[in-house]
PDB file of N, CA and C in Angstrom:
ATOM      1  N   MET A   1      -3.673   6.689  -5.290  1.00  0.00           N
ATOM      2  CA  MET A   1      -3.069   5.111  -5.847  1.00  0.00           C
ATOM      3  C   MET A   1      -2.193   5.209  -3.692  1.00  0.00           C
ATOM      4  N   ARG A   2      -2.333   4.401  -3.180  1.00  0.00           N
ATOM      5  CA  ARG A   2      -1.278   4.415  -1.970  1.00  0.00           C
ATOM      6  C   ARG A   2       0.437   3.798  -2.229  1.00  0.00           C
ATOM      7  N   VAL A   3       1.530   5.010  -1.675  1.00  0.00           N
ATOM      8  CA  VAL A   3       2.037   4.039  -1.702  1.00  0.00           C
ATOM      9  C   VAL A   3       2.721   3.188   0.026  1.00  0.00           C
ATOM     10  N   THR A   4       3.024   1.738  -0.980  1.00  0.00           N
ATOM     11  CA  THR A   4       4.194   0.862  -0.192  1.00  0.00           C
ATOM     12  C   THR A   4       4.881   0.903  -0.114  1.00  0.00           C
ATOM     13  N   ASN A   5       6.356   1.976  -1.113  1.00  0.00           N
ATOM     14  CA  ASN A   5       7.553   1.806  -0.563  1.00  0.00           C
ATOM     15  C   ASN A   5       7.811   2.765  -0.951  1.00  0.00           C
ATOM     16  N   ILE A   6       9.474   3.732  -1.200  1.00  0.00           N
ATOM     17  CA  ILE A   6      10.266   4.743  -1.692  1.00  0.00           C
ATOM     18  C   ILE A   6      11.062   4.178  -1.450  1.00  0.00           C
ATOM     19  N   ASP A   7      11.793   3.168  -1.978  1.00  0.00           N
ATOM     20  CA  ASP A   7      13.195   3.377  -2.254  1.00  0.00           C
ATOM     21  C   ASP A   7      14.219   4.246  -3.287  1.00  0.00           C
ATOM     22  N   PRO A   8      14.982   4.710  -2.543  1.00  0.00           N
ATOM     23  CA  PRO A   8      15.378   4.846  -1.410  1.00  0.00           C
ATOM     24  C   PRO A   8      14.958   6.584  -1.098  1.00  0.00           C
ATOM     25  N   PRO A   9      14.239   5.983   0.449  1.00  0.00           N
ATOM     26  CA  PRO A   9      13.495   7.261   0.803  1.00  0.00           C
ATOM     27  C   PRO A   9      14.206   8.097   1.259  1.00  0.00           C
ATOM     28  N   GLY A  10      12.813   9.220   0.862  1.00  0.00           N
ATOM     29  CA  GLY A  10      13.590  10.670   0.703  1.00  0.00           C
ATOM     30  C   GLY A  10      13.222  12.065  -0.411  1.00  0.00           C
ATOM     31  N   PRO A  11      13.571  13.083  -0.496  1.00  0.00           N
ATOM     32  CA  PRO A  11      12.932  13.939  -1.367  1.00  0.00           C
ATOM     33  C   PRO A  11      12.742  13.166  -3.167  1.00  0.00           C
ATOM     34  N   ALA A  12      12.207  12.725  -4.192  1.00  0.00           N
ATOM     35  CA  ALA A  12      12.399  12.373  -5.557  1.00  0.00           C
ATOM     36  C   ALA A  12      13.891  12.465  -5.710  1.00  0.00           C
ATOM     37  N   ALA A  13      14.772  11.221  -7.021  1.00  0.00           N
ATOM     38  CA  ALA A  13      15.666  11.847  -7.113  1.00  0.00           C
ATOM     39  C   ALA A  13      16.132  11.003  -8.029  1.00  0.00           C
ATOM     40  N   ALA A  14      16.421  11.024  -9.328  1.00  0.00           N
ATOM     41  CA  ALA A  14      16.151   9.661 -10.298  1.00  0.00           C
ATOM     42  C   ALA A  14      17.132   8.668  -9.119  1.00  0.00           C
ATOM     43  N   GLY A  15      16.464   7.323  -9.680  1.00  0.00           N
ATOM     44  CA  GLY A  15      17.495   6.274  -9.306  1.00  0.00           C
ATOM     45  C   GLY A  15      16.327   6.004  -8.321  1.00  0.00           C
ATOM     46  N   GLN A  16      15.451   6.365  -8.129  1.00  0.00           N
ATOM     47  CA  GLN A  16      14.775   6.307  -7.314  1.00  0.00           C
ATOM     48  C   GLN A  16      13.185   5.268  -7.665  1.00  0.00           C
ATOM     49  N   GLU A  17      12.310   4.421  -6.508  1.00  0.00           N
ATOM     50  CA  GLU A  17      11.331   3.738  -7.461  1.00  0.00           C
ATOM     51  C   GLU A  17      10.229   4.156  -6.603  1.00  0.00           C
ATOM     52  N   VAL A  18       9.199   3.950  -7.313  1.00  0.00           N
ATOM     53  CA  VAL A  18       7.937   4.324  -5.443  1.00  0.00           C
ATOM     54  C   VAL A  18       7.217   2.974  -5.983  1.00  0.00           C
ATOM     55  N   ARG A  19       7.264   1.855  -5.021  1.00  0.00           N
ATOM     56  CA  ARG A  19       6.370   1.283  -5.787  1.00  0.00           C
ATOM     57  C   ARG A  19       4.715   1.724  -4.857  1.00  0.00           C
ATOM     58  N   GLY A  20       3.590   0.686  -5.095  1.00  0.00           N
ATOM     59  CA  GLY A  20       2.099   1.782  -5.075  1.00  0.00           C
ATOM     60  C   GLY A  20       1.474   0.065  -5.221  1.00  0.00           C
ATOM     61  N   GLU A  21       0.461   0.618  -4.794  1.00  0.00           N
ATOM     62  CA  GLU A  21      -1.594  -0.287  -5.603  1.00  0.00           C
ATOM     63  C   GLU A  21      -2.580   0.941  -5.545  1.00  0.00           C
ATOM     64  N   THR A  22      -3.379   0.147  -6.311  1.00  0.00           N
ATOM     65  CA  THR A  22      -4.591   0.471  -6.313  1.00  0.00           C
ATOM     66  C   THR A  22      -5.405   0.327  -6.834  1.00  0.00           C
ATOM     67  N   GLY A  23      -6.602   0.391  -6.969  1.00  0.00           N
ATOM     68  CA  GLY A  23      -8.008  -0.535  -6.401  1.00  0.00           C
ATOM     69  C   GLY A  23      -8.578  -0.950  -5.475  1.00  0.00           C
ATOM     70  N   PRO A  24      -9.900  -1.682  -4.991  1.00  0.00           N
ATOM     71  CA  PRO A  24      -9.855  -1.352  -4.361  1.00  0.00           C
ATOM     72  C   PRO A  24      -9.872  -2.859  -3.266  1.00  0.00           C
ATOM     73  N   GLU A  25      -9.711  -2.792  -2.139  1.00  0.00           N
ATOM     74  CA  GLU A  25      -8.909  -3.768  -1.665  1.00  0.00           C
ATOM     75  C   GLU A  25      -9.288  -4.945  -1.709  1.00  0.00           C
ATOM     76  N   ILE A  26     -10.337  -5.824  -2.930  1.00  0.00           N
ATOM     77  CA  ILE A  26     -11.116  -6.953  -3.002  1.00  0.00           C
ATOM     78  C   ILE A  26      -9.306  -6.693  -3.757  1.00  0.00           C
ATOM     79  N   LEU A  27      -8.767  -5.973  -5.208  1.00  0.00           N
ATOM     80  CA  LEU A  27      -8.232  -6.577  -6.030  1.00  0.00           C
ATOM     81  C   LEU A  27      -7.284  -5.179  -6.568  1.00  0.00           C
ATOM     82  N   HIS A  28      -6.168  -5.609  -6.037  1.00  0.00           N
ATOM     83  CA  HIS A  28      -5.350  -4.455  -5.458  1.00  0.00           C
ATOM     84  C   HIS A  28      -3.948  -4.235  -6.885  1.00  0.00           C
ATOM     85  N   LEU A  29      -4.238  -3.668  -7.258  1.00  0.00           N
ATOM     86  CA  LEU A  29      -3.535  -3.780  -8.964  1.00  0.00           C
ATOM     87  C   LEU A  29      -2.380  -2.745  -8.462  1.00  0.00           C
ATOM     88  N   LYS A  30      -0.562  -3.419  -8.762  1.00  0.00           N
ATOM     89  CA  LYS A  30       0.147  -3.343  -8.597  1.00  0.00           C
ATOM     90  C   LYS A  30       0.677  -1.750  -8.928  1.00  0.00           C
ATOM     91  N   LEU A  31       1.351  -0.839  -8.640  1.00  0.00           N
ATOM     92  CA  LEU A  31       2.427   0.343 -10.379  1.00  0.00           C
ATOM     93  C   LEU A  31       3.915  -0.063  -9.039  1.00  0.00           C
ATOM     94  N   ARG A  32       4.330   0.350 -10.737  1.00  0.00           N
ATOM     95  CA  ARG A  32       5.433   0.575  -9.616  1.00  0.00           C
ATOM     96  C   ARG A  32       6.491   2.403 -10.675  1.00  0.00           C
ATOM     97  N   PHE A  33       6.893   3.118  -9.984  1.00  0.00           N
ATOM     98  CA  PHE A  33       7.516   4.031 -10.637  1.00  0.00           C
ATOM     99  C   PHE A  33       9.107   4.176 -10.866  1.00  0.00           C
ATOM    100  N   ARG A  34       9.336   4.348 -11.884  1.00  0.00           N
ATOM    101  CA  ARG A  34      11.256   4.514 -11.711  1.00  0.00           C
ATOM    102  C   ARG A  34      11.467   6.236 -11.368  1.00  0.00           C
ATOM    103  N   ILE A  35      12.641   7.033 -11.215  1.00  0.00           N
ATOM    104  CA  ILE A  35      12.582   8.115 -11.809  1.00  0.00           C
ATOM    105  C   ILE A  35      13.748   7.873 -12.742  1.00  0.00           C
ATOM    106  N   GLN A  36      13.984   8.304 -13.521  1.00  0.00           N
ATOM    107  CA  GLN A  36      14.411   8.331 -14.521  1.00  0.00           C
ATOM    108  C   GLN A  36      15.680   9.757 -14.195  1.00  0.00           C
ATOM    109  N   GLU A  37      15.056  10.525 -14.526  1.00  0.00           N
ATOM    110  CA  GLU A  37      15.491  12.107 -14.579  1.00  0.00           C
ATOM    111  C   GLU A  37      14.359  13.022 -13.546  1.00  0.00           C
ATOM    112  N   ILE A  38      15.314  13.812 -13.373  1.00  0.00           N
ATOM    113  CA  ILE A  38      15.252  15.555 -12.918  1.00  0.00           C
ATOM    114  C   ILE A  38      15.696  16.684 -13.136  1.00  0.00           C
ATOM    115  N   ASP A  39      15.119  17.794 -14.047  1.00  0.00           N
ATOM    116  CA  ASP A  39      16.316  18.520 -14.855  1.00  0.00           C
ATOM    117  C   ASP A  39      15.216  20.012 -13.884  1.00  0.00           C
ATOM    118  N   PRO A  40      15.621  20.107 -12.776  1.00  0.00           N
ATOM    119  CA  PRO A  40      14.716  21.607 -11.873  1.00  0.00           C
ATOM    120  C   PRO A  40      15.043  23.065 -12.962  1.00  0.00           C
ATOM    121  N   ASP A  41      16.002  23.431 -13.509  1.00  0.00           N
ATOM    122  CA  ASP A  41      16.496  23.675 -14.404  1.00  0.00           C
ATOM    123  C   ASP A  41      15.323  24.316 -15.603  1.00  0.00           C
ATOM    124  N   ARG A  42      15.347  22.793 -16.046  1.00  0.00           N
ATOM    125  CA  ARG A  42      13.623  23.037 -17.592  1.00  0.00           C
ATOM    126  C   ARG A  42      12.539  22.930 -17.150  1.00  0.00           C
ATOM    127  N   TYR A  43      12.259  22.462 -15.747  1.00  0.00           N
ATOM    128  CA  TYR A  43      11.122  21.498 -14.582  1.00  0.00           C
ATOM    129  C   TYR A  43      10.651  20.266 -15.716  1.00  0.00           C
ATOM    130  N   ARG A  44      11.213  19.553 -15.828  1.00  0.00           N
ATOM    131  CA  ARG A  44      11.214  18.814 -16.567  1.00  0.00           C
ATOM    132  C   ARG A  44      11.356  17.384 -14.837  1.00  0.00           C
ATOM    133  N   LEU A  45      10.252  16.031 -15.699  1.00  0.00           N
ATOM    134  CA  LEU A  45      10.245  14.458 -14.619  1.00  0.00           C
ATOM    135  C   LEU A  45      10.144  13.983 -16.022  1.00  0.00           C
ATOM    136  N   ARG A  46      10.854  13.131 -16.397  1.00  0.00           N
ATOM    137  CA  ARG A  46      11.528  11.578 -16.910  1.00  0.00           C
ATOM    138  C   ARG A  46      10.646  10.329 -15.739  1.00  0.00           C
ATOM    139  N   LEU A  47      10.281   9.372 -16.035  1.00  0.00           N
ATOM    140  CA  LEU A  47       9.292   8.299 -15.234  1.00  0.00           C
ATOM    141  C   LEU A  47       9.399   7.320 -15.854  1.00  0.00           C
ATOM    142  N   GLY A  48       9.928   6.103 -15.775  1.00  0.00           N
ATOM    143  CA  GLY A  48       8.971   4.672 -16.523  1.00  0.00           C
ATOM    144  C   GLY A  48       7.614   4.470 -15.265  1.00  0.00           C
ATOM    145  N   VAL A  49       6.568   3.974 -15.770  1.00  0.00           N
ATOM    146  CA  VAL A  49       5.634   3.531 -15.191  1.00  0.00           C
ATOM    147  C   VAL A  49       5.402   1.662 -15.339  1.00  0.00           C
ATOM    148  N   ASP A  50       5.681   0.733 -14.604  1.00  0.00           N
ATOM    149  CA  ASP A  50       4.981  -0.548 -14.753  1.00  0.00           C
ATOM    150  C   ASP A  50       4.025  -0.577 -14.223  1.00  0.00           C
ATOM    151  N   LEU A  51       2.577  -0.944 -14.815  1.00  0.00           N
ATOM    152  CA  LEU A  51       1.253  -0.545 -14.448  1.00  0.00           C
ATOM    153  C   LEU A  51       1.197  -2.406 -15.306  1.00  0.00           C
ATOM    154  N   PRO A  52      -0.442  -2.925 -14.200  1.00  0.00           N
ATOM    155  CA  PRO A  52      -0.997  -3.708 -14.536  1.00  0.00           C
ATOM    156  C   PRO A  52      -0.827  -4.746 -15.814  1.00  0.00           C
ATOM    157  N   PHE A  53      -1.488  -5.531 -16.445  1.00  0.00           N
ATOM    158  CA  PHE A  53      -0.664  -6.279 -17.827  1.00  0.00           C
ATOM    159  C   PHE A  53       0.545  -6.364 -17.987  1.00  0.00           C
ATOM    160  N   GLY A  54       1.795  -5.761 -17.714  1.00  0.00           N
ATOM    161  CA  GLY A  54       2.877  -5.776 -17.968  1.00  0.00           C
ATOM    162  C   GLY A  54       2.955  -4.374 -19.467  1.00  0.00           C
ATOM    163  N   LEU A  55       1.592  -3.891 -19.234  1.00  0.00           N
ATOM    164  CA  LEU A  55       1.943  -2.150 -20.131  1.00  0.00           C
ATOM    165  C   LEU A  55       3.263  -1.201 -19.478  1.00  0.00           C
ATOM    166  N   VAL A  56       4.051  -1.214 -19.860  1.00  0.00           N
ATOM    167  CA  VAL A  56       5.428   0.116 -19.180  1.00  0.00           C
ATOM    168  C   VAL A  56       4.550   1.706 -20.452  1.00  0.00           C
ATOM    169  N   VAL A  57       4.619   2.300 -19.170  1.00  0.00           N
ATOM    170  CA  VAL A  57       4.668   4.001 -19.789  1.00  0.00           C
ATOM    171  C   VAL A  57       6.026   4.559 -19.757  1.00  0.00           C
ATOM    172  N   ASP A  58       6.238   5.228 -20.525  1.00  0.00           N
ATOM    173  CA  ASP A  58       7.579   6.216 -20.420  1.00  0.00           C
ATOM    174  C   ASP A  58       6.794   7.957 -19.840  1.00  0.00           C
ATOM    175  N   GLU A  59       7.473   7.881 -19.277  1.00  0.00           N
ATOM    176  CA  GLU A  59       6.603   9.922 -18.557  1.00  0.00           C
ATOM    177  C   GLU A  59       7.833  10.430 -19.218  1.00  0.00           C
ATOM    178  N   ASP A  60       7.018  11.919 -19.915  1.00  0.00           N
ATOM    179  CA  ASP A  60       7.893  12.973 -20.223  1.00  0.00           C
ATOM    180  C   ASP A  60       7.021  13.799 -19.668  1.00  0.00           C
ATOM    181  N   LEU A  61       7.710  14.669 -17.979  1.00  0.00           N
ATOM    182  CA  LEU A  61       6.872  15.749 -17.642  1.00  0.00           C
ATOM    183  C   LEU A  61       7.825  17.068 -17.469  1.00  0.00           C
ATOM    184  N   ARG A  62       6.196  17.621 -18.336  1.00  0.00           N
ATOM    185  CA  ARG A  62       7.169  19.608 -18.670  1.00  0.00           C
ATOM    186  C   ARG A  62       6.131  20.710 -18.073  1.00  0.00           C
ATOM    187  N   CYS A  63       6.762  21.769 -17.493  1.00  0.00           N
ATOM    188  CA  CYS A  63       6.164  22.288 -17.175  1.00  0.00           C
ATOM    189  C   CYS A  63       6.636  24.026 -17.090  1.00  0.00           C
ATOM    190  N   THR A  64       5.948  24.948 -18.338  1.00  0.00           N
ATOM    191  CA  THR A  64       6.830  26.388 -17.707  1.00  0.00           C
ATOM    192  C   THR A  64       6.001  26.927 -17.757  1.00  0.00           C
ATOM    193  N   PRO A  65       6.465  27.711 -16.184  1.00  0.00           N
ATOM    194  CA  PRO A  65       5.369  29.248 -15.414  1.00  0.00           C
ATOM    195  C   PRO A  65       5.134  29.741 -16.968  1.00  0.00           C
ATOM    196  N   LEU A  66       3.889  30.259 -16.261  1.00  0.00           N
ATOM    197  CA  LEU A  66       3.279  31.788 -16.947  1.00  0.00           C
ATOM    198  C   LEU A  66       3.227  32.580 -16.510  1.00  0.00           C
ATOM    199  N   ASP A  67       3.424  32.748 -14.948  1.00  0.00           N
ATOM    200  CA  ASP A  67       3.399  34.682 -14.266  1.00  0.00           C
ATOM    201  C   ASP A  67       4.057  33.366 -12.535  1.00  0.00           C
ATOM    202  N   ASP A  68       3.545  34.456 -12.092  1.00  0.00           N
ATOM    203  CA  ASP A  68       3.665  34.113  -9.950  1.00  0.00           C
ATOM    204  C   ASP A  68       2.764  32.379 -10.008  1.00  0.00           C
ATOM    205  N   THR A  69       1.644  33.084 -10.463  1.00  0.00           N
ATOM    206  CA  THR A  69       1.152  31.273  -9.617  1.00  0.00           C
ATOM    207  C   THR A  69       0.122  30.107 -11.086  1.00  0.00           C
ATOM    208  N   HIS A  70       0.945  30.360 -11.758  1.00  0.00           N
ATOM    209  CA  HIS A  70       0.026  29.029 -13.318  1.00  0.00           C
ATOM    210  C   HIS A  70       1.358  28.818 -14.001  1.00  0.00           C
ATOM    211  N   CYS A  71       1.153  27.642 -14.075  1.00  0.00           N
ATOM    212  CA  CYS A  71       2.753  26.615 -15.072  1.00  0.00           C
ATOM    213  C   CYS A  71       1.109  26.186 -15.993  1.00  0.00           C
ATOM    214  N   ARG A  72       1.941  25.858 -16.817  1.00  0.00           N
ATOM    215  CA  ARG A  72       1.568  25.029 -18.519  1.00  0.00           C
ATOM    216  C   ARG A  72       2.538  23.503 -18.747  1.00  0.00           C
ATOM    217  N   VAL A  73       1.001  22.457 -17.961  1.00  0.00           N
ATOM    218  CA  VAL A  73       1.868  21.436 -18.287  1.00  0.00           C
ATOM    219  C   VAL A  73       1.654  20.577 -19.637  1.00  0.00           C
ATOM    220  N   SER A  74       3.293  20.077 -19.654  1.00  0.00           N
ATOM    221  CA  SER A  74       3.134  19.656 -21.120  1.00  0.00           C
ATOM    222  C   SER A  74       3.034  17.673 -20.380  1.00  0.00           C
ATOM    223  N   TYR A  75       2.357  17.021 -21.102  1.00  0.00           N
ATOM    224  CA  TYR A  75       2.350  14.950 -20.530  1.00  0.00           C
ATOM    225  C   TYR A  75       2.938  14.424 -21.628  1.00  0.00           C
ATOM    226  N   ASN A  76       3.691  13.895 -21.884  1.00  0.00           N
ATOM    227  CA  ASN A  76       3.723  13.271 -23.016  1.00  0.00           C
ATOM    228  C   ASN A  76       4.072  11.956 -22.235  1.00  0.00           C
ATOM    229  N   CYS A  77       3.697  10.735 -22.753  1.00  0.00           N
ATOM    230  CA  CYS A  77       3.583   9.618 -22.473  1.00  0.00           C
ATOM    231  C   CYS A  77       4.197   8.328 -24.017  1.00  0.00           C
ATOM    232  N   ASP A  78       4.400   7.746 -23.706  1.00  0.00           N
ATOM    233  CA  ASP A  78       4.362   6.567 -24.701  1.00  0.00           C
ATOM    234  C   ASP A  78       4.208   5.486 -24.075  1.00  0.00           C
ATOM    235  N   PHE A  79       3.508   4.373 -24.466  1.00  0.00           N
ATOM    236  CA  PHE A  79       2.792   3.547 -23.966  1.00  0.00           C
ATOM    237  C   PHE A  79       3.419   2.083 -24.728  1.00  0.00           C
ATOM    238  N   HIS A  80       4.227   1.490 -23.658  1.00  0.00           N
ATOM    239  CA  HIS A  80       4.512   0.035 -24.682  1.00  0.00           C
ATOM    240  C   HIS A  80       4.066  -1.313 -24.351  1.00  0.00           C
ATOM    241  N   PHE A  81       3.796  -2.407 -25.214  1.00  0.00           N
ATOM    242  CA  PHE A  81       2.412  -3.251 -24.676  1.00  0.00           C
ATOM    243  C   PHE A  81       3.385  -4.462 -24.568  1.00  0.00           C
ATOM    244  N   PRO A  82       3.565  -5.582 -23.929  1.00  0.00           N
ATOM    245  CA  PRO A  82       4.429  -6.913 -23.813  1.00  0.00           C
ATOM    246  C   PRO A  82       3.354  -7.701 -25.142  1.00  0.00           C
ATOM    247  N   PRO A  83       5.248  -8.383 -24.616  1.00  0.00           N
ATOM    248  CA  PRO A  83       4.885  -8.949 -26.921  1.00  0.00           C
ATOM    249  C   PRO A  83       4.992 -10.929 -26.341  1.00  0.00           C
ATOM    250  N   SER A  84       3.865  -9.801 -25.791  1.00  0.00           N
ATOM    251  CA  SER A  84       2.813 -11.327 -25.185  1.00  0.00           C
ATOM    252  C   SER A  84       1.457 -11.879 -25.835  1.00  0.00           C
ATOM    253  N   TRP A  85       0.549 -13.087 -25.510  1.00  0.00           N
ATOM    254  CA  TRP A  85      -0.860 -12.091 -25.910  1.00  0.00           C
ATOM    255  C   TRP A  85      -1.572 -11.608 -24.487  1.00  0.00           C
ATOM    256  N   ARG A  86      -1.185 -11.219 -24.114  1.00  0.00           N
ATOM    257  CA  ARG A  86      -1.296 -10.094 -23.227  1.00  0.00           C
ATOM    258  C   ARG A  86      -1.691  -9.035 -23.935  1.00  0.00           C
ATOM    259  N   GLY A  87      -0.050  -8.547 -25.085  1.00  0.00           N
ATOM    260  CA  GLY A  87      -0.387  -6.999 -25.641  1.00  0.00           C
ATOM    261  C   GLY A  87      -1.276  -6.893 -25.983  1.00  0.00           C
ATOM    262  N   THR A  88      -1.360  -8.043 -26.677  1.00  0.00           N
ATOM    263  CA  THR A  88      -2.734  -8.313 -28.697  1.00  0.00           C
ATOM    264  C   THR A  88      -3.959  -7.990 -27.665  1.00  0.00           C
ATOM    265  N   LEU A  89      -4.074  -8.032 -26.363  1.00  0.00           N
ATOM    266  CA  LEU A  89      -5.328  -8.813 -25.656  1.00  0.00           C
ATOM    267  C   LEU A  89      -5.888  -6.624 -25.689  1.00  0.00           C
ATOM    268  N   LEU A  90      -4.415  -5.802 -24.531  1.00  0.00           N
ATOM    269  CA  LEU A  90      -4.549  -5.012 -24.607  1.00  0.00           C
ATOM    270  C   LEU A  90      -4.857  -3.586 -25.843  1.00  0.00           C
ATOM    271  N   ARG A  91      -4.210  -4.179 -27.175  1.00  0.00           N
ATOM    272  CA  ARG A  91      -5.486  -3.027 -28.505  1.00  0.00           C
ATOM    273  C   ARG A  91      -5.824  -4.077 -27.841  1.00  0.00           C
ATOM    274  N   VAL A  92      -6.374  -4.501 -28.406  1.00  0.00           N
ATOM    275  CA  VAL A  92      -7.945  -5.661 -29.290  1.00  0.00           C
ATOM    276  C   VAL A  92      -8.866  -4.476 -28.293  1.00  0.00           C
ATOM    277  N   LEU A  93      -8.586  -4.748 -26.672  1.00  0.00           N
ATOM    278  CA  LEU A  93      -9.027  -4.108 -25.885  1.00  0.00           C
ATOM    279  C   LEU A  93      -9.769  -2.152 -25.964  1.00  0.00           C
ATOM    280  N   GLY A  94      -8.348  -1.970 -26.731  1.00  0.00           N
ATOM    281  CA  GLY A  94      -8.204  -0.938 -27.060  1.00  0.00           C
ATOM    282  C   GLY A  94      -8.058   0.495 -26.454  1.00  0.00           C
ATOM    283  N   VAL A  95      -6.363   0.050 -25.215  1.00  0.00           N
ATOM    284  CA  VAL A  95      -5.478   1.172 -24.332  1.00  0.00           C
ATOM    285  C   VAL A  95      -5.070   1.863 -25.354  1.00  0.00           C
ATOM    286  N   PRO A  96      -5.318   2.802 -24.958  1.00  0.00           N
ATOM    287  CA  PRO A  96      -4.276   3.650 -25.402  1.00  0.00           C
ATOM    288  C   PRO A  96      -2.428   3.143 -25.458  1.00  0.00           C
ATOM    289  N   CYS A  97      -2.273   4.262 -27.007  1.00  0.00           N
ATOM    290  CA  CYS A  97      -1.236   3.697 -27.096  1.00  0.00           C
ATOM    291  C   CYS A  97       0.222   4.681 -28.048  1.00  0.00           C
TER     292      CYS A  97
END
């Protein structure tokens, strides 16, 4: 992903929005990440992600320290399909939900 904008700029914080693009130069797919919550005491990060074609993902990332140099990452996500023909097409194509 190529980051195109961070609003507001600076270290990650709740309410911050990161925009970017991915894909080859002739087909830029736009992405938007909204930081919903950062909990440093529990090593947790919650994000809302807008993907191409109206697909929305709610991310809940948690890190559990195992020792001084290792951690276990739990990656939980919840996909939401757009309420239109696009959502039906994404389901038929087998996009994970």
